[in-house]
Amino acid sequence: MVDVADRWMCRRLDFEVLKCLAQHPDIPAILVLNKVDLFPVKDQLLDVTAELTRGVVNGRKMRIRPVIKPPWAEKRPERHSELPLDEDNAWPEGSAEPNSPLSKEQLKALRSQQGWPHFKDVFMLSSVDQEDVETLKQYFMVAAKPGPWQYHSEVLTDQNPEEVCINIIREKLLENLPQEVPYSLTQTVEILQNEENCELEIFVKLHAKKDTHIKMVIGTGGQMASQIAQEATEDLSRIFLREVKLKLSVKLKK
């Protein structure tokens, strides 16, 4: 997805995005141009699209269609075999297999290019327009392939309990402390379960690099640490669907 209202970034894809696309060539990718309602000169949207796709969509020379009642919104899109690309759009020889590391030649080629010539489709839309969003959702539903569920329907996350705790605590630190402090803290988490009432006891130790950061985490009279622990306890109780007792401590990292 590209924010076309950002005039500094709308004409090239980020290198990390290009890397992801190149490492997963087996997964169909589409280009979504968002905030077209804020784009000053609508005629130039085609120029932006041409740069981001390198003039090729679904293996063919670019053919842009507006995102209003497209034919494939009503039926499954047909598969098209990709046509040979010209030399400018060719991918370096020795292309990596899906999910495999890219070669130095491929990485060098990615750094020098602005777009990706293997998008299956292009959408121009505004996310505040409900009709645009519904059309995009319908496209995904039509193109989706049925498959087995990877997790049971009652599973809320694939993270283990320790990872859930660490992420919740980090969220509360970011919400309540100056920006540089949470990023300098590390955590260790221990979770114990009371077999009698299934209550969870969670012990979180924060390790700070500076004494000043310890004082900020604790706060006046321990108020900040108490507030962070209380907010985290409420969220963790909702996630784990049981009572949680959280004990938060902080010490200097040696």
Protein backbone atom coordinates (compact mmCIF):
# COMPACT_ATOMS: atom_id res chain seq x y z
CA MET A 1 0.00 0.00 0.00
CA VAL A 2 1.37 3.40 -1.01
CA ASP A 3 0.25 6.75 0.37
CA VAL A 4 0.04 8.87 -2.78
CA ALA A 5 -0.56 11.98 -0.67
CA ASP A 6 3.08 11.73 0.46
CA ARG A 7 4.80 13.46 -2.44
CA TRP A 8 8.26 12.51 -1.19
CA MET A 9 7.68 8.76 -1.01
CA CYS A 10 4.84 7.95 -3.41
CA ARG A 11 7.02 7.36 -6.46
CA ARG A 12 9.18 4.54 -5.13
CA LEU A 13 8.75 1.40 -3.03
CA ASP A 14 10.77 1.02 0.15
CA PHE A 15 13.79 -1.27 -0.20
CA GLU A 16 12.51 -3.59 2.56
CA VAL A 17 9.19 -3.94 0.71
CA LEU A 18 11.01 -4.79 -2.50
CA LYS A 19 13.09 -7.36 -0.62
CA CYS A 20 9.95 -8.99 0.77
CA LEU A 21 8.35 -9.13 -2.67
CA ALA A 22 11.50 -10.64 -4.20
CA GLN A 23 11.82 -13.27 -1.46
CA HIS A 24 8.22 -14.44 -1.91
CA PRO A 25 7.64 -14.45 -5.69
CA ASP A 26 5.17 -17.33 -5.31
CA ILE A 27 2.72 -15.17 -3.35
CA PRO A 28 0.53 -12.92 -5.56
CA ALA A 29 1.00 -9.23 -4.77
CA ILE A 30 -1.18 -6.26 -5.59
CA LEU A 31 -0.43 -2.55 -5.49
CA VAL A 32 -2.88 -0.32 -3.61
CA LEU A 33 -2.62 3.44 -4.08
CA ASN A 34 -4.38 5.01 -1.09
CA LYS A 35 -5.57 8.59 -0.46
CA VAL A 36 -6.18 9.30 -4.14
CA ASP A 37 -8.73 11.87 -2.98
CA LEU A 38 -5.82 13.94 -1.65
CA PHE A 39 -3.66 13.59 -4.75
CA PRO A 40 -3.48 17.07 -6.30
CA VAL A 41 -3.28 16.20 -10.01
CA LYS A 42 -5.32 13.10 -10.80
CA ASP A 43 -3.85 12.73 -14.31
CA GLN A 44 -0.45 12.09 -12.76
CA LEU A 45 -1.69 8.99 -10.92
CA LEU A 46 -0.97 6.99 -14.06
CA ASP A 47 2.62 8.26 -14.02
CA VAL A 48 3.00 7.24 -10.36
CA THR A 49 1.56 3.81 -11.11
CA ALA A 50 3.90 3.35 -14.06
CA GLU A 51 6.90 4.08 -11.84
CA LEU A 52 5.77 1.78 -9.03
CA THR A 53 5.02 -1.10 -11.43
CA ARG A 54 7.81 -0.35 -13.91
CA GLY A 55 5.08 -0.25 -16.53
CA VAL A 56 4.06 -3.90 -16.10
CA VAL A 57 0.99 -5.36 -14.37
CA ASN A 58 0.23 -9.10 -14.37
CA GLY A 59 2.97 -9.74 -16.90
CA ARG A 60 1.52 -7.29 -19.41
CA LYS A 61 2.19 -3.71 -20.31
CA MET A 62 0.37 -1.52 -17.83
CA ARG A 63 -3.39 -1.26 -18.15
CA ILE A 64 -4.96 0.60 -15.23
CA ARG A 65 -8.61 0.21 -14.30
CA PRO A 66 -10.48 2.32 -11.72
CA VAL A 67 -11.66 0.62 -8.55
CA ILE A 68 -15.40 0.97 -9.26
CA LYS A 69 -17.41 -2.14 -10.13
CA PRO A 70 -14.56 -4.02 -11.88
CA PRO A 71 -15.57 -7.20 -13.70
CA TRP A 72 -13.65 -9.49 -11.32
CA ALA A 73 -15.65 -8.18 -8.35
CA GLU A 74 -18.49 -10.40 -9.54
CA LYS A 75 -16.59 -13.51 -10.59
CA ARG A 76 -13.29 -15.25 -9.99
CA PRO A 77 -10.47 -13.56 -11.91
CA GLU A 78 -9.01 -15.52 -14.79
CA ARG A 79 -5.41 -16.61 -14.63
CA HIS A 80 -3.11 -15.08 -17.22
CA SER A 81 0.25 -16.47 -18.18
CA GLU A 82 2.96 -13.85 -17.81
CA LEU A 83 4.36 -12.46 -21.03
CA PRO A 84 8.12 -12.11 -21.49
CA LEU A 85 9.32 -8.81 -20.03
CA ASP A 86 11.63 -6.44 -21.78
CA GLU A 87 15.25 -6.08 -20.71
CA ASP A 88 14.55 -3.16 -18.35
CA ASN A 89 12.04 -5.22 -16.38
CA ALA A 90 13.99 -8.48 -16.35
CA TRP A 91 15.00 -9.95 -13.02
CA PRO A 92 18.74 -10.83 -12.61
CA GLU A 93 19.68 -14.37 -13.52
CA GLY A 94 19.92 -16.92 -10.74
CA SER A 95 16.69 -15.83 -9.06
CA ALA A 96 16.28 -17.24 -5.59
CA GLU A 97 13.66 -19.83 -4.75
CA PRO A 98 10.72 -18.63 -2.61
CA ASN A 99 11.76 -17.70 0.96
CA SER A 100 15.47 -18.17 0.18
CA PRO A 101 18.11 -15.46 0.73
CA LEU A 102 18.66 -13.10 -2.17
CA SER A 103 21.98 -13.00 -3.95
CA LYS A 104 24.24 -9.94 -3.90
CA GLU A 105 23.33 -9.25 -7.53
CA GLN A 106 19.62 -9.31 -6.71
CA LEU A 107 20.02 -7.00 -3.71
CA LYS A 108 22.06 -4.59 -5.82
CA ALA A 109 19.34 -4.59 -8.49
CA LEU A 110 16.64 -3.92 -5.87
CA ARG A 111 18.50 -0.92 -4.46
CA SER A 112 18.63 0.69 -7.87
CA GLN A 113 14.95 0.20 -8.81
CA GLN A 114 11.90 2.17 -7.71
CA GLY A 115 9.11 -0.28 -8.46
CA TRP A 116 8.15 -3.93 -8.86
CA PRO A 117 7.07 -5.33 -12.26
CA HIS A 118 5.23 -8.40 -10.94
CA PHE A 119 2.08 -6.99 -9.33
CA LYS A 120 -1.07 -8.90 -10.28
CA ASP A 121 -3.38 -5.91 -10.04
CA VAL A 122 -3.45 -2.22 -9.15
CA PHE A 123 -6.07 -0.42 -7.08
CA MET A 124 -6.58 3.33 -6.76
CA LEU A 125 -8.77 4.15 -3.80
CA SER A 126 -9.49 6.21 -0.73
CA SER A 127 -9.77 4.26 2.50
CA VAL A 128 -12.45 6.66 3.75
CA ASP A 129 -14.67 5.68 0.82
CA GLN A 130 -16.66 2.63 1.91
CA GLU A 131 -17.37 1.53 -1.66
CA ASP A 132 -13.66 1.51 -2.49
CA VAL A 133 -12.86 -0.54 0.60
CA GLU A 134 -15.66 -3.03 -0.05
CA THR A 135 -14.47 -3.52 -3.63
CA LEU A 136 -10.96 -4.31 -2.42
CA LYS A 137 -12.32 -6.72 0.20
CA GLN A 138 -14.43 -8.43 -2.46
CA TYR A 139 -11.35 -8.83 -4.63
CA PHE A 140 -9.52 -10.58 -1.77
CA MET A 141 -12.52 -12.82 -1.07
CA VAL A 142 -12.81 -13.88 -4.72
CA ALA A 143 -9.08 -14.55 -5.07
CA ALA A 144 -8.73 -16.33 -1.70
CA LYS A 145 -8.09 -20.06 -1.67
CA PRO A 146 -9.67 -22.29 0.99
CA GLY A 147 -7.26 -24.07 3.31
CA PRO A 148 -7.03 -25.62 6.77
CA TRP A 149 -6.98 -23.38 9.84
CA GLN A 150 -3.49 -23.09 11.25
CA TYR A 151 -4.83 -22.52 14.77
CA HIS A 152 -8.04 -23.38 16.60
CA SER A 153 -10.74 -20.71 16.32
CA GLU A 154 -10.55 -20.02 20.08
CA VAL A 155 -6.82 -19.25 19.98
CA LEU A 156 -6.35 -15.47 20.24
CA THR A 157 -2.63 -15.36 19.40
CA ASP A 158 0.26 -17.60 18.40
CA GLN A 159 2.55 -15.92 20.96
CA ASN A 160 3.52 -17.82 24.07
CA PRO A 161 2.41 -16.39 27.47
CA GLU A 162 5.81 -14.84 28.16
CA GLU A 163 5.77 -12.98 24.82
CA VAL A 164 2.25 -11.73 25.53
CA CYS A 165 3.36 -10.36 28.90
CA ILE A 166 6.46 -8.70 27.46
CA ASN A 167 4.45 -6.98 24.72
CA ILE A 168 1.76 -5.75 27.12
CA ILE A 169 4.33 -4.37 29.56
CA ARG A 170 6.19 -2.68 26.70
CA GLU A 171 2.94 -1.12 25.53
CA LYS A 172 2.26 0.32 29.00
CA LEU A 173 5.81 1.63 29.29
CA LEU A 174 5.47 3.40 25.94
CA GLU A 175 2.14 4.92 26.98
CA ASN A 176 3.33 6.21 30.36
CA LEU A 177 7.02 7.08 30.02
CA PRO A 178 9.13 9.42 27.85
CA GLN A 179 9.91 7.83 24.51
CA GLU A 180 13.60 7.06 25.08
CA VAL A 181 13.06 5.24 28.40
CA PRO A 182 11.03 2.15 27.28
CA TYR A 183 13.52 1.39 24.51
CA SER A 184 16.38 1.22 27.02
CA LEU A 185 14.60 -1.29 29.28
CA THR A 186 14.79 -5.07 29.04
CA GLN A 187 12.46 -7.58 30.68
CA THR A 188 12.49 -11.01 32.27
CA VAL A 189 9.16 -12.69 32.93
CA GLU A 190 8.20 -15.60 35.16
CA ILE A 191 4.66 -17.00 35.15
CA LEU A 192 3.29 -19.30 37.87
CA GLN A 193 -0.19 -20.82 37.98
CA ASN A 194 -2.09 -21.44 41.19
CA GLU A 195 -3.52 -24.94 40.75
CA GLU A 196 -6.34 -24.34 43.23
CA ASN A 197 -8.02 -21.33 41.60
CA CYS A 198 -6.16 -21.20 38.23
CA GLU A 199 -4.94 -17.71 39.11
CA LEU A 200 -1.79 -16.56 37.34
CA GLU A 201 1.07 -14.97 39.24
CA ILE A 202 3.34 -13.01 36.93
CA PHE A 203 6.69 -11.63 38.04
CA VAL A 204 8.20 -9.01 35.74
CA LYS A 205 11.69 -7.65 36.27
CA LEU A 206 12.68 -4.53 34.36
CA HIS A 207 16.38 -3.91 33.84
CA ALA A 208 17.37 -0.26 33.33
CA LYS A 209 20.67 1.18 32.13
CA LYS A 210 20.48 4.39 34.18
CA ASP A 211 19.44 5.36 37.69
CA THR A 212 17.36 8.19 36.24
CA HIS A 213 15.33 5.68 34.23
CA ILE A 214 14.67 3.61 37.36
CA LYS A 215 13.31 6.70 39.11
CA MET A 216 11.04 7.45 36.13
CA VAL A 217 9.65 3.90 36.11
CA ILE A 218 9.01 3.90 39.86
CA GLY A 219 7.64 7.44 39.97
CA THR A 220 6.81 9.53 43.02
CA GLY A 221 5.96 7.19 45.87
CA GLY A 222 5.88 4.26 43.44
CA GLN A 223 2.83 5.66 41.64
CA MET A 224 4.12 5.15 38.09
CA ALA A 225 5.13 1.50 38.65
CA SER A 226 1.78 0.87 40.33
CA GLN A 227 -0.15 2.41 37.43
CA ILE A 228 1.78 0.42 34.81
CA ALA A 229 1.26 -2.81 36.77
CA GLN A 230 -2.47 -2.13 37.20
CA GLU A 231 -3.08 -1.36 33.52
CA ALA A 232 -1.07 -4.40 32.44
CA THR A 233 -2.92 -6.63 34.92
CA GLU A 234 -6.30 -5.59 33.49
CA ASP A 235 -5.21 -6.32 29.91
CA LEU A 236 -3.59 -9.64 30.81
CA SER A 237 -6.70 -10.77 32.71
CA ARG A 238 -8.80 -10.17 29.58
CA ILE A 239 -6.30 -12.02 27.39
CA PHE A 240 -5.78 -15.04 29.65
CA LEU A 241 -9.45 -15.13 30.75
CA ARG A 242 -8.55 -15.53 34.42
CA GLU A 243 -7.41 -13.58 37.47
CA VAL A 244 -3.87 -12.23 37.23
CA LYS A 245 -1.56 -10.97 39.97
CA LEU A 246 1.34 -9.04 38.51
CA LYS A 247 4.38 -7.98 40.48
CA LEU A 248 6.64 -5.43 38.82
CA SER A 249 10.17 -4.64 39.91
CA VAL A 250 12.99 -2.64 38.38
CA LYS A 251 16.73 -2.69 38.96
CA LEU A 252 19.92 -1.38 37.43
CA LYS A 253 21.33 -3.43 34.58
CA LYS A 254 24.96 -4.35 35.29
